[in-house]
Amino acid sequence: SEMKEVITDGLTRVKHTEVNAEAVSLSECDIAPDLKEMKANV
């Protein structure tokens, strides 16, 4: 949490892309990773 303002104030560009950085609640961040179901013959 101590880094929140450092990031929201300082992060304006990623690679060559201008970005917005804003703090949001943890509930808005809980994105499930993309998982692909597979089977293997071993």
PDB file of all heavy atoms in Angstrom:
ATOM      1  N   SER A   1       0.800  -1.220   0.000  1.00  0.00           N
ATOM      2  CA  SER A   1       0.000   0.000   0.000  1.00  0.00           C
ATOM      3  C   SER A   1       0.837   1.276   0.000  1.00  0.00           C
ATOM      4  O   SER A   1       0.421   2.295  -0.567  1.00  0.00           O
ATOM      5  CB  SER A   1      -0.961   0.001   1.197  1.00  0.00           C
ATOM      6  OG  SER A   1      -1.986  -0.958   0.999  1.00  0.00           O
ATOM      7  N   GLU A   2       2.024   1.225   0.609  1.00  0.00           N
ATOM      8  CA  GLU A   2       2.885   2.412   0.638  1.00  0.00           C
ATOM      9  C   GLU A   2       3.326   2.851  -0.749  1.00  0.00           C
ATOM     10  O   GLU A   2       3.735   4.001  -0.948  1.00  0.00           O
ATOM     11  CB  GLU A   2       4.118   2.156   1.504  1.00  0.00           C
ATOM     12  CG  GLU A   2       3.844   2.093   2.997  1.00  0.00           C
ATOM     13  CD  GLU A   2       3.429   0.702   3.453  1.00  0.00           C
ATOM     14  OE1 GLU A   2       3.047  -0.124   2.602  1.00  0.00           O
ATOM     15  OE2 GLU A   2       3.478   0.449   4.671  1.00  0.00           O
ATOM     16  N   MET A   3       3.239   1.961  -1.722  1.00  0.00           N
ATOM     17  CA  MET A   3       3.666   2.274  -3.085  1.00  0.00           C
ATOM     18  C   MET A   3       2.534   2.776  -3.970  1.00  0.00           C
ATOM     19  O   MET A   3       2.751   3.102  -5.134  1.00  0.00           O
ATOM     20  CB  MET A   3       4.291   1.023  -3.738  1.00  0.00           C
ATOM     21  CG  MET A   3       5.612   0.589  -3.136  1.00  0.00           C
ATOM     22  SD  MET A   3       6.936   1.779  -3.485  1.00  0.00           S
ATOM     23  CE  MET A   3       7.108   2.527  -1.850  1.00  0.00           C
ATOM     24  N   LYS A   4       1.333   2.841  -3.431  1.00  0.00           N
ATOM     25  CA  LYS A   4       0.163   3.192  -4.250  1.00  0.00           C
ATOM     26  C   LYS A   4       0.344   4.543  -4.947  1.00  0.00           C
ATOM     27  O   LYS A   4       0.196   4.646  -6.169  1.00  0.00           O
ATOM     28  CB  LYS A   4      -1.097   3.206  -3.379  1.00  0.00           C
ATOM     29  CG  LYS A   4      -2.353   3.602  -4.137  1.00  0.00           C
ATOM     30  CD  LYS A   4      -3.591   3.429  -3.292  1.00  0.00           C
ATOM     31  CE  LYS A   4      -3.610   4.381  -2.117  1.00  0.00           C
ATOM     32  NZ  LYS A   4      -4.887   4.289  -1.348  1.00  0.00           N
ATOM     33  N   GLU A   5       0.664   5.567  -4.202  1.00  0.00           N
ATOM     34  CA  GLU A   5       0.769   6.900  -4.800  1.00  0.00           C
ATOM     35  C   GLU A   5       1.997   7.028  -5.697  1.00  0.00           C
ATOM     36  O   GLU A   5       1.974   7.779  -6.681  1.00  0.00           O
ATOM     37  CB  GLU A   5       0.787   7.963  -3.705  1.00  0.00           C
ATOM     38  CG  GLU A   5      -0.543   8.099  -2.988  1.00  0.00           C
ATOM     39  CD  GLU A   5      -0.550   9.245  -1.996  1.00  0.00           C
ATOM     40  OE1 GLU A   5       0.470   9.957  -1.893  1.00  0.00           O
ATOM     41  OE2 GLU A   5      -1.581   9.427  -1.321  1.00  0.00           O
ATOM     42  N   VAL A   6       3.064   6.301  -5.368  1.00  0.00           N
ATOM     43  CA  VAL A   6       4.251   6.316  -6.233  1.00  0.00           C
ATOM     44  C   VAL A   6       3.874   5.854  -7.635  1.00  0.00           C
ATOM     45  O   VAL A   6       4.295   6.435  -8.646  1.00  0.00           O
ATOM     46  CB  VAL A   6       5.370   5.420  -5.649  1.00  0.00           C
ATOM     47  CG1 VAL A   6       6.546   5.330  -6.626  1.00  0.00           C
ATOM     48  CG2 VAL A   6       5.834   5.959  -4.301  1.00  0.00           C
ATOM     49  N   ILE A   7       3.036   4.815  -7.696  1.00  0.00           N
ATOM     50  CA  ILE A   7       2.649   4.255  -8.991  1.00  0.00           C
ATOM     51  C   ILE A   7       1.598   5.121  -9.680  1.00  0.00           C
ATOM     52  O   ILE A   7       1.722   5.443 -10.867  1.00  0.00           O
ATOM     53  CB  ILE A   7       2.135   2.812  -8.816  1.00  0.00           C
ATOM     54  CG1 ILE A   7       3.254   1.923  -8.271  1.00  0.00           C
ATOM     55  CG2 ILE A   7       1.628   2.261 -10.154  1.00  0.00           C
ATOM     56  CD1 ILE A   7       2.799   0.519  -7.900  1.00  0.00           C
ATOM     57  N   THR A   8       0.561   5.514  -8.953  1.00  0.00           N
ATOM     58  CA  THR A   8      -0.503   6.293  -9.595  1.00  0.00           C
ATOM     59  C   THR A   8      -0.002   7.664 -10.056  1.00  0.00           C
ATOM     60  O   THR A   8      -0.463   8.189 -11.069  1.00  0.00           O
ATOM     61  CB  THR A   8      -1.706   6.477  -8.646  1.00  0.00           C
ATOM     62  OG1 THR A   8      -1.257   7.057  -7.415  1.00  0.00           O
ATOM     63  CG2 THR A   8      -2.377   5.141  -8.370  1.00  0.00           C
ATOM     64  N   ASP A   9       0.967   8.232  -9.325  1.00  0.00           N
ATOM     65  CA  ASP A   9       1.506   9.538  -9.718  1.00  0.00           C
ATOM     66  C   ASP A   9       2.619   9.427 -10.756  1.00  0.00           C
ATOM     67  O   ASP A   9       2.771  10.309 -11.613  1.00  0.00           O
ATOM     68  CB  ASP A   9       2.059  10.290  -8.496  1.00  0.00           C
ATOM     69  CG  ASP A   9       0.972  10.700  -7.517  1.00  0.00           C
ATOM     70  OD1 ASP A   9      -0.202  10.678  -7.903  1.00  0.00           O
ATOM     71  OD2 ASP A   9       1.314  11.029  -6.359  1.00  0.00           O
ATOM     72  N   GLY A  10       3.384   8.347 -10.687  1.00  0.00           N
ATOM     73  CA  GLY A  10       4.593   8.282 -11.505  1.00  0.00           C
ATOM     74  C   GLY A  10       4.503   7.459 -12.775  1.00  0.00           C
ATOM     75  O   GLY A  10       5.278   7.676 -13.718  1.00  0.00           O
ATOM     76  N   LEU A  11       3.577   6.502 -12.829  1.00  0.00           N
ATOM     77  CA  LEU A  11       3.510   5.621 -14.000  1.00  0.00           C
ATOM     78  C   LEU A  11       2.621   6.252 -15.068  1.00  0.00           C
ATOM     79  O   LEU A  11       1.391   6.238 -14.971  1.00  0.00           O
ATOM     80  CB  LEU A  11       2.978   4.243 -13.607  1.00  0.00           C
ATOM     81  CG  LEU A  11       3.063   3.170 -14.701  1.00  0.00           C
ATOM     82  CD1 LEU A  11       4.505   2.939 -15.125  1.00  0.00           C
ATOM     83  CD2 LEU A  11       2.458   1.860 -14.215  1.00  0.00           C
ATOM     84  N   THR A  12       3.232   6.807 -16.080  1.00  0.00           N
ATOM     85  CA  THR A  12       2.484   7.479 -17.155  1.00  0.00           C
ATOM     86  C   THR A  12       2.711   6.827 -18.511  1.00  0.00           C
ATOM     87  O   THR A  12       2.005   7.139 -19.468  1.00  0.00           O
ATOM     88  CB  THR A  12       2.888   8.964 -17.246  1.00  0.00           C
ATOM     89  OG1 THR A  12       4.304   9.048 -17.494  1.00  0.00           O
ATOM     90  CG2 THR A  12       2.557   9.691 -15.951  1.00  0.00           C
ATOM     91  N   ARG A  13       3.704   5.952 -18.604  1.00  0.00           N
ATOM     92  CA  ARG A  13       4.020   5.331 -19.892  1.00  0.00           C
ATOM     93  C   ARG A  13       4.523   3.910 -19.682  1.00  0.00           C
ATOM     94  O   ARG A  13       5.323   3.656 -18.780  1.00  0.00           O
ATOM     95  CB  ARG A  13       5.075   6.157 -20.631  1.00  0.00           C
ATOM     96  CG  ARG A  13       5.382   5.682 -22.059  1.00  0.00           C
ATOM     97  CD  ARG A  13       6.309   6.672 -22.767  1.00  0.00           C
ATOM     98  NE  ARG A  13       5.671   7.970 -22.929  1.00  0.00           N
ATOM     99  CZ  ARG A  13       4.867   8.270 -23.947  1.00  0.00           C
ATOM    100  NH1 ARG A  13       4.596   7.371 -24.884  1.00  0.00           N
ATOM    101  NH2 ARG A  13       4.327   9.473 -24.034  1.00  0.00           N
ATOM    102  N   VAL A  14       4.040   3.007 -20.501  1.00  0.00           N
ATOM    103  CA  VAL A  14       4.533   1.630 -20.522  1.00  0.00           C
ATOM    104  C   VAL A  14       4.965   1.333 -21.945  1.00  0.00           C
ATOM    105  O   VAL A  14       4.155   1.443 -22.873  1.00  0.00           O
ATOM    106  CB  VAL A  14       3.452   0.628 -20.068  1.00  0.00           C
ATOM    107  CG1 VAL A  14       3.972  -0.801 -20.172  1.00  0.00           C
ATOM    108  CG2 VAL A  14       3.025   0.930 -18.640  1.00  0.00           C
ATOM    109  N   LYS A  15       6.248   1.002 -22.110  1.00  0.00           N
ATOM    110  CA  LYS A  15       6.827   0.841 -23.436  1.00  0.00           C
ATOM    111  C   LYS A  15       6.664   2.178 -24.178  1.00  0.00           C
ATOM    112  O   LYS A  15       7.151   3.194 -23.709  1.00  0.00           O
ATOM    113  CB  LYS A  15       6.176  -0.333 -24.165  1.00  0.00           C
ATOM    114  CG  LYS A  15       7.044  -0.957 -25.243  1.00  0.00           C
ATOM    115  CD  LYS A  15       6.410  -2.238 -25.770  1.00  0.00           C
ATOM    116  CE  LYS A  15       7.275  -2.862 -26.839  1.00  0.00           C
ATOM    117  NZ  LYS A  15       6.668  -4.109 -27.370  1.00  0.00           N
ATOM    118  N   HIS A  16       5.961   2.197 -25.301  1.00  0.00           N
ATOM    119  CA  HIS A  16       5.738   3.459 -26.021  1.00  0.00           C
ATOM    120  C   HIS A  16       4.313   3.974 -25.839  1.00  0.00           C
ATOM    121  O   HIS A  16       3.883   4.891 -26.538  1.00  0.00           O
ATOM    122  CB  HIS A  16       6.012   3.266 -27.518  1.00  0.00           C
ATOM    123  CG  HIS A  16       7.362   2.702 -27.812  1.00  0.00           C
ATOM    124  ND1 HIS A  16       8.524   3.366 -27.515  1.00  0.00           N
ATOM    125  CD2 HIS A  16       7.738   1.510 -28.362  1.00  0.00           C
ATOM    126  CE1 HIS A  16       9.561   2.631 -27.870  1.00  0.00           C
ATOM    127  NE2 HIS A  16       9.116   1.498 -28.389  1.00  0.00           N
ATOM    128  N   THR A  17       3.589   3.378 -24.892  1.00  0.00           N
ATOM    129  CA  THR A  17       2.170   3.666 -24.734  1.00  0.00           C
ATOM    130  C   THR A  17       1.906   4.547 -23.517  1.00  0.00           C
ATOM    131  O   THR A  17       2.327   4.218 -22.406  1.00  0.00           O
ATOM    132  CB  THR A  17       1.379   2.347 -24.590  1.00  0.00           C
ATOM    133  OG1 THR A  17       1.564   1.549 -25.763  1.00  0.00           O
ATOM    134  CG2 THR A  17      -0.105   2.618 -24.393  1.00  0.00           C
ATOM    135  N   GLU A  18       1.195   5.641 -23.719  1.00  0.00           N
ATOM    136  CA  GLU A  18       0.787   6.492 -22.607  1.00  0.00           C
ATOM    137  C   GLU A  18      -0.360   5.806 -21.861  1.00  0.00           C
ATOM    138  O   GLU A  18      -1.292   5.282 -22.478  1.00  0.00           O
ATOM    139  CB  GLU A  18       0.320   7.850 -23.138  1.00  0.00           C
ATOM    140  CG  GLU A  18       0.034   8.871 -22.042  1.00  0.00           C
ATOM    141  CD  GLU A  18      -0.382  10.221 -22.602  1.00  0.00           C
ATOM    142  OE1 GLU A  18      -0.371  10.387 -23.846  1.00  0.00           O
ATOM    143  OE2 GLU A  18      -0.738  11.105 -21.795  1.00  0.00           O
ATOM    144  N   VAL A  19      -0.278   5.796 -20.528  1.00  0.00           N
ATOM    145  CA  VAL A  19      -1.257   5.058 -19.735  1.00  0.00           C
ATOM    146  C   VAL A  19      -1.805   5.909 -18.592  1.00  0.00           C
ATOM    147  O   VAL A  19      -1.192   6.892 -18.168  1.00  0.00           O
ATOM    148  CB  VAL A  19      -0.646   3.764 -19.138  1.00  0.00           C
ATOM    149  CG1 VAL A  19      -0.193   2.818 -20.240  1.00  0.00           C
ATOM    150  CG2 VAL A  19       0.505   4.090 -18.190  1.00  0.00           C
ATOM    151  N   ASN A  20      -2.959   5.478 -18.103  1.00  0.00           N
ATOM    152  CA  ASN A  20      -3.532   6.007 -16.874  1.00  0.00           C
ATOM    153  C   ASN A  20      -3.363   4.972 -15.775  1.00  0.00           C
ATOM    154  O   ASN A  20      -3.559   3.772 -16.019  1.00  0.00           O
ATOM    155  CB  ASN A  20      -5.032   6.304 -17.043  1.00  0.00           C
ATOM    156  CG  ASN A  20      -5.294   7.553 -17.858  1.00  0.00           C
ATOM    157  OD1 ASN A  20      -4.558   8.526 -17.758  1.00  0.00           O
ATOM    158  ND2 ASN A  20      -6.349   7.528 -18.660  1.00  0.00           N
ATOM    159  N   ALA A  21      -3.008   5.424 -14.569  1.00  0.00           N
ATOM    160  CA  ALA A  21      -2.870   4.529 -13.427  1.00  0.00           C
ATOM    161  C   ALA A  21      -3.794   5.012 -12.319  1.00  0.00           C
ATOM    162  O   ALA A  21      -3.679   6.155 -11.862  1.00  0.00           O
ATOM    163  CB  ALA A  21      -1.421   4.505 -12.942  1.00  0.00           C
ATOM    164  N   GLU A  22      -4.709   4.143 -11.905  1.00  0.00           N
ATOM    165  CA  GLU A  22      -5.640   4.529 -10.849  1.00  0.00           C
ATOM    166  C   GLU A  22      -5.803   3.383  -9.857  1.00  0.00           C
ATOM    167  O   GLU A  22      -5.791   2.207 -10.221  1.00  0.00           O
ATOM    168  CB  GLU A  22      -7.007   4.894 -11.436  1.00  0.00           C
ATOM    169  CG  GLU A  22      -7.666   3.763 -12.208  1.00  0.00           C
ATOM    170  CD  GLU A  22      -9.056   4.125 -12.716  1.00  0.00           C
ATOM    171  OE1 GLU A  22      -9.683   5.007 -12.110  1.00  0.00           O
ATOM    172  OE2 GLU A  22      -9.503   3.506 -13.698  1.00  0.00           O
ATOM    173  N   ALA A  23      -5.933   3.759  -8.580  1.00  0.00           N
ATOM    174  CA  ALA A  23      -6.160   2.763  -7.537  1.00  0.00           C
ATOM    175  C   ALA A  23      -7.618   2.322  -7.568  1.00  0.00           C
ATOM    176  O   ALA A  23      -8.526   3.149  -7.694  1.00  0.00           O
ATOM    177  CB  ALA A  23      -5.807   3.341  -6.176  1.00  0.00           C
ATOM    178  N   VAL A  24      -7.834   1.004  -7.473  1.00  0.00           N
ATOM    179  CA  VAL A  24      -9.185   0.452  -7.420  1.00  0.00           C
ATOM    180  C   VAL A  24      -9.248  -0.543  -6.270  1.00  0.00           C
ATOM    181  O   VAL A  24      -8.229  -0.939  -5.710  1.00  0.00           O
ATOM    182  CB  VAL A  24      -9.575  -0.235  -8.756  1.00  0.00           C
ATOM    183  CG1 VAL A  24      -9.613   0.768  -9.890  1.00  0.00           C
ATOM    184  CG2 VAL A  24      -8.609  -1.366  -9.087  1.00  0.00           C
ATOM    185  N   SER A  25     -10.446  -0.958  -5.910  1.00  0.00           N
ATOM    186  CA  SER A  25     -10.596  -1.906  -4.806  1.00  0.00           C
ATOM    187  C   SER A  25     -10.063  -3.281  -5.200  1.00  0.00           C
ATOM    188  O   SER A  25     -10.012  -3.624  -6.385  1.00  0.00           O
ATOM    189  CB  SER A  25     -12.060  -2.018  -4.404  1.00  0.00           C
ATOM    190  OG  SER A  25     -12.810  -2.617  -5.443  1.00  0.00           O
ATOM    191  N   LEU A  26      -9.692  -4.068  -4.197  1.00  0.00           N
ATOM    192  CA  LEU A  26      -9.176  -5.403  -4.480  1.00  0.00           C
ATOM    193  C   LEU A  26     -10.217  -6.264  -5.198  1.00  0.00           C
ATOM    194  O   LEU A  26      -9.863  -7.110  -6.020  1.00  0.00           O
ATOM    195  CB  LEU A  26      -8.741  -6.095  -3.183  1.00  0.00           C
ATOM    196  CG  LEU A  26      -7.533  -5.501  -2.451  1.00  0.00           C
ATOM    197  CD1 LEU A  26      -7.213  -6.322  -1.220  1.00  0.00           C
ATOM    198  CD2 LEU A  26      -6.316  -5.427  -3.372  1.00  0.00           C
ATOM    199  N   SER A  27     -11.483  -6.028  -4.907  1.00  0.00           N
ATOM    200  CA  SER A  27     -12.533  -6.834  -5.548  1.00  0.00           C
ATOM    201  C   SER A  27     -12.598  -6.605  -7.057  1.00  0.00           C
ATOM    202  O   SER A  27     -13.017  -7.476  -7.815  1.00  0.00           O
ATOM    203  CB  SER A  27     -13.894  -6.533  -4.927  1.00  0.00           C
ATOM    204  OG  SER A  27     -14.248  -5.173  -5.119  1.00  0.00           O
ATOM    205  N   GLU A  28     -12.142  -5.445  -7.508  1.00  0.00           N
ATOM    206  CA  GLU A  28     -12.138  -5.144  -8.945  1.00  0.00           C
ATOM    207  C   GLU A  28     -10.929  -5.742  -9.643  1.00  0.00           C
ATOM    208  O   GLU A  28     -10.856  -5.722 -10.877  1.00  0.00           O
ATOM    209  CB  GLU A  28     -12.150  -3.628  -9.158  1.00  0.00           C
ATOM    210  CG  GLU A  28     -13.411  -2.923  -8.712  1.00  0.00           C
ATOM    211  CD  GLU A  28     -13.349  -1.434  -8.962  1.00  0.00           C
ATOM    212  OE1 GLU A  28     -13.421  -1.028 -10.138  1.00  0.00           O
ATOM    213  OE2 GLU A  28     -13.217  -0.674  -7.981  1.00  0.00           O
ATOM    214  N   CYS A  29      -9.991  -6.262  -8.876  1.00  0.00           N
ATOM    215  CA  CYS A  29      -8.743  -6.770  -9.457  1.00  0.00           C
ATOM    216  C   CYS A  29      -8.686  -8.286  -9.550  1.00  0.00           C
ATOM    217  O   CYS A  29      -7.753  -8.830 -10.131  1.00  0.00           O
ATOM    218  CB  CYS A  29      -7.551  -6.321  -8.596  1.00  0.00           C
ATOM    219  SG  CYS A  29      -7.196  -4.573  -8.688  1.00  0.00           S
ATOM    220  N   ASP A  30      -9.636  -8.966  -8.945  1.00  0.00           N
ATOM    221  CA  ASP A  30      -9.536 -10.425  -8.843  1.00  0.00           C
ATOM    222  C   ASP A  30      -9.904 -11.085 -10.163  1.00  0.00           C
ATOM    223  O   ASP A  30     -10.992 -11.623 -10.350  1.00  0.00           O
ATOM    224  CB  ASP A  30     -10.431 -10.940  -7.720  1.00  0.00           C
ATOM    225  CG  ASP A  30     -10.036 -12.338  -7.277  1.00  0.00           C
ATOM    226  OD1 ASP A  30      -9.059 -12.872  -7.820  1.00  0.00           O
ATOM    227  OD2 ASP A  30     -10.701 -12.885  -6.395  1.00  0.00           O
ATOM    228  N   ILE A  31      -8.970 -11.028 -11.102  1.00  0.00           N
ATOM    229  CA  ILE A  31      -9.175 -11.600 -12.434  1.00  0.00           C
ATOM    230  C   ILE A  31      -8.598 -13.011 -12.463  1.00  0.00           C
ATOM    231  O   ILE A  31      -7.425 -13.215 -12.142  1.00  0.00           O
ATOM    232  CB  ILE A  31      -8.486 -10.752 -13.513  1.00  0.00           C
ATOM    233  CG1 ILE A  31      -9.034  -9.326 -13.473  1.00  0.00           C
ATOM    234  CG2 ILE A  31      -8.664 -11.358 -14.887  1.00  0.00           C
ATOM    235  CD1 ILE A  31      -8.279  -8.393 -14.374  1.00  0.00           C
ATOM    236  N   ALA A  32      -9.403 -13.961 -12.828  1.00  0.00           N
ATOM    237  CA  ALA A  32      -8.912 -15.336 -12.905  1.00  0.00           C
ATOM    238  C   ALA A  32      -7.968 -15.476 -14.095  1.00  0.00           C
ATOM    239  O   ALA A  32      -8.233 -14.933 -15.171  1.00  0.00           O
ATOM    240  CB  ALA A  32     -10.081 -16.302 -13.053  1.00  0.00           C
ATOM    241  N   PRO A  33      -6.857 -16.188 -13.914  1.00  0.00           N
ATOM    242  CA  PRO A  33      -5.952 -16.394 -15.047  1.00  0.00           C
ATOM    243  C   PRO A  33      -6.603 -17.256 -16.112  1.00  0.00           C
ATOM    244  O   PRO A  33      -7.501 -18.060 -15.824  1.00  0.00           O
ATOM    245  CB  PRO A  33      -4.762 -17.129 -14.402  1.00  0.00           C
ATOM    246  CG  PRO A  33      -5.326 -17.768 -13.182  1.00  0.00           C
ATOM    247  CD  PRO A  33      -6.399 -16.844 -12.685  1.00  0.00           C
ATOM    248  N   ASP A  34      -6.189 -17.079 -17.350  1.00  0.00           N
ATOM    249  CA  ASP A  34      -6.701 -17.897 -18.442  1.00  0.00           C
ATOM    250  C   ASP A  34      -6.030 -19.262 -18.410  1.00  0.00           C
ATOM    251  O   ASP A  34      -4.795 -19.352 -18.482  1.00  0.00           O
ATOM    252  CB  ASP A  34      -6.444 -17.215 -19.789  1.00  0.00           C
ATOM    253  CG  ASP A  34      -7.304 -15.981 -19.981  1.00  0.00           C
ATOM    254  OD1 ASP A  34      -8.414 -15.943 -19.431  1.00  0.00           O
ATOM    255  OD2 ASP A  34      -6.864 -15.048 -20.685  1.00  0.00           O
ATOM    256  N   LEU A  35      -6.842 -20.294 -18.291  1.00  0.00           N
ATOM    257  CA  LEU A  35      -6.326 -21.661 -18.232  1.00  0.00           C
ATOM    258  C   LEU A  35      -6.942 -22.487 -19.357  1.00  0.00           C
ATOM    259  O   LEU A  35      -8.154 -22.441 -19.576  1.00  0.00           O
ATOM    260  CB  LEU A  35      -6.652 -22.306 -16.881  1.00  0.00           C
ATOM    261  CG  LEU A  35      -6.047 -21.659 -15.641  1.00  0.00           C
ATOM    262  CD1 LEU A  35      -6.634 -22.283 -14.381  1.00  0.00           C
ATOM    263  CD2 LEU A  35      -4.529 -21.803 -15.649  1.00  0.00           C
ATOM    264  N   LYS A  36      -6.100 -23.222 -20.054  1.00  0.00           N
ATOM    265  CA  LYS A  36      -6.553 -24.080 -21.144  1.00  0.00           C
ATOM    266  C   LYS A  36      -6.493 -25.533 -20.688  1.00  0.00           C
ATOM    267  O   LYS A  36      -5.434 -26.026 -20.311  1.00  0.00           O
ATOM    268  CB  LYS A  36      -5.665 -23.881 -22.373  1.00  0.00           C
ATOM    269  CG  LYS A  36      -6.001 -24.787 -23.549  1.00  0.00           C
ATOM    270  CD  LYS A  36      -5.021 -24.577 -24.686  1.00  0.00           C
ATOM    271  CE  LYS A  36      -5.294 -25.515 -25.845  1.00  0.00           C
ATOM    272  NZ  LYS A  36      -4.291 -25.348 -26.935  1.00  0.00           N
ATOM    273  N   GLU A  37      -7.637 -26.214 -20.698  1.00  0.00           N
ATOM    274  CA  GLU A  37      -7.663 -27.619 -20.302  1.00  0.00           C
ATOM    275  C   GLU A  37      -7.000 -28.474 -21.376  1.00  0.00           C
ATOM    276  O   GLU A  37      -7.258 -28.295 -22.560  1.00  0.00           O
ATOM    277  CB  GLU A  37      -9.092 -28.081 -20.059  1.00  0.00           C
ATOM    278  CG  GLU A  37      -9.743 -27.425 -18.850  1.00  0.00           C
ATOM    279  CD  GLU A  37     -11.100 -28.018 -18.531  1.00  0.00           C
ATOM    280  OE1 GLU A  37     -11.533 -28.938 -19.259  1.00  0.00           O
ATOM    281  OE2 GLU A  37     -11.717 -27.573 -17.553  1.00  0.00           O
ATOM    282  N   MET A  38      -6.144 -29.382 -20.928  1.00  0.00           N
ATOM    283  CA  MET A  38      -5.415 -30.256 -21.858  1.00  0.00           C
ATOM    284  C   MET A  38      -5.402 -31.684 -21.334  1.00  0.00           C
ATOM    285  O   MET A  38      -5.633 -31.923 -20.145  1.00  0.00           O
ATOM    286  CB  MET A  38      -3.964 -29.768 -22.024  1.00  0.00           C
ATOM    287  CG  MET A  38      -3.794 -28.474 -22.765  1.00  0.00           C
ATOM    288  SD  MET A  38      -2.028 -28.058 -22.942  1.00  0.00           S
ATOM    289  CE  MET A  38      -1.388 -29.514 -23.821  1.00  0.00           C
ATOM    290  N   LYS A  39      -5.115 -32.600 -22.231  1.00  0.00           N
ATOM    291  CA  LYS A  39      -4.876 -33.988 -21.861  1.00  0.00           C
ATOM    292  C   LYS A  39      -3.576 -34.425 -22.518  1.00  0.00           C
ATOM    293  O   LYS A  39      -3.229 -33.955 -23.600  1.00  0.00           O
ATOM    294  CB  LYS A  39      -6.029 -34.886 -22.310  1.00  0.00           C
ATOM    295  CG  LYS A  39      -7.352 -34.563 -21.641  1.00  0.00           C
ATOM    296  CD  LYS A  39      -8.470 -35.459 -22.146  1.00  0.00           C
ATOM    297  CE  LYS A  39      -9.789 -35.070 -21.497  1.00  0.00           C
ATOM    298  NZ  LYS A  39     -10.918 -35.908 -21.982  1.00  0.00           N
ATOM    299  N   ALA A  40      -2.863 -35.295 -21.853  1.00  0.00           N
ATOM    300  CA  ALA A  40      -1.595 -35.793 -22.396  1.00  0.00           C
ATOM    301  C   ALA A  40      -1.515 -37.298 -22.188  1.00  0.00           C
ATOM    302  O   ALA A  40      -2.009 -37.826 -21.183  1.00  0.00           O
ATOM    303  CB  ALA A  40      -0.414 -35.091 -21.731  1.00  0.00           C
ATOM    304  N   ASN A  41      -0.891 -37.974 -23.145  1.00  0.00           N
ATOM    305  CA  ASN A  41      -0.676 -39.420 -23.082  1.00  0.00           C
ATOM    306  C   ASN A  41       0.768 -39.656 -22.673  1.00  0.00           C
ATOM    307  O   ASN A  41       1.695 -39.313 -23.407  1.00  0.00           O
ATOM    308  CB  ASN A  41      -0.964 -40.025 -24.460  1.00  0.00           C
ATOM    309  CG  ASN A  41      -0.857 -41.538 -24.463  1.00  0.00           C
ATOM    310  OD1 ASN A  41      -0.271 -42.144 -23.579  1.00  0.00           O
ATOM    311  ND2 ASN A  41      -1.429 -42.159 -25.495  1.00  0.00           N
ATOM    312  N   VAL A  42       0.971 -40.215 -21.471  1.00  0.00           N
ATOM    313  CA  VAL A  42       2.331 -40.363 -20.934  1.00  0.00           C
ATOM    314  C   VAL A  42       2.553 -41.793 -20.440  1.00  0.00           C
ATOM    315  O   VAL A  42       1.609 -42.534 -20.167  1.00  0.00           O
ATOM    316  CB  VAL A  42       2.588 -39.377 -19.775  1.00  0.00           C
ATOM    317  CG1 VAL A  42       2.513 -37.938 -20.276  1.00  0.00           C
ATOM    318  CG2 VAL A  42       1.593 -39.586 -18.642  1.00  0.00           C
TER     319      VAL A  42
END
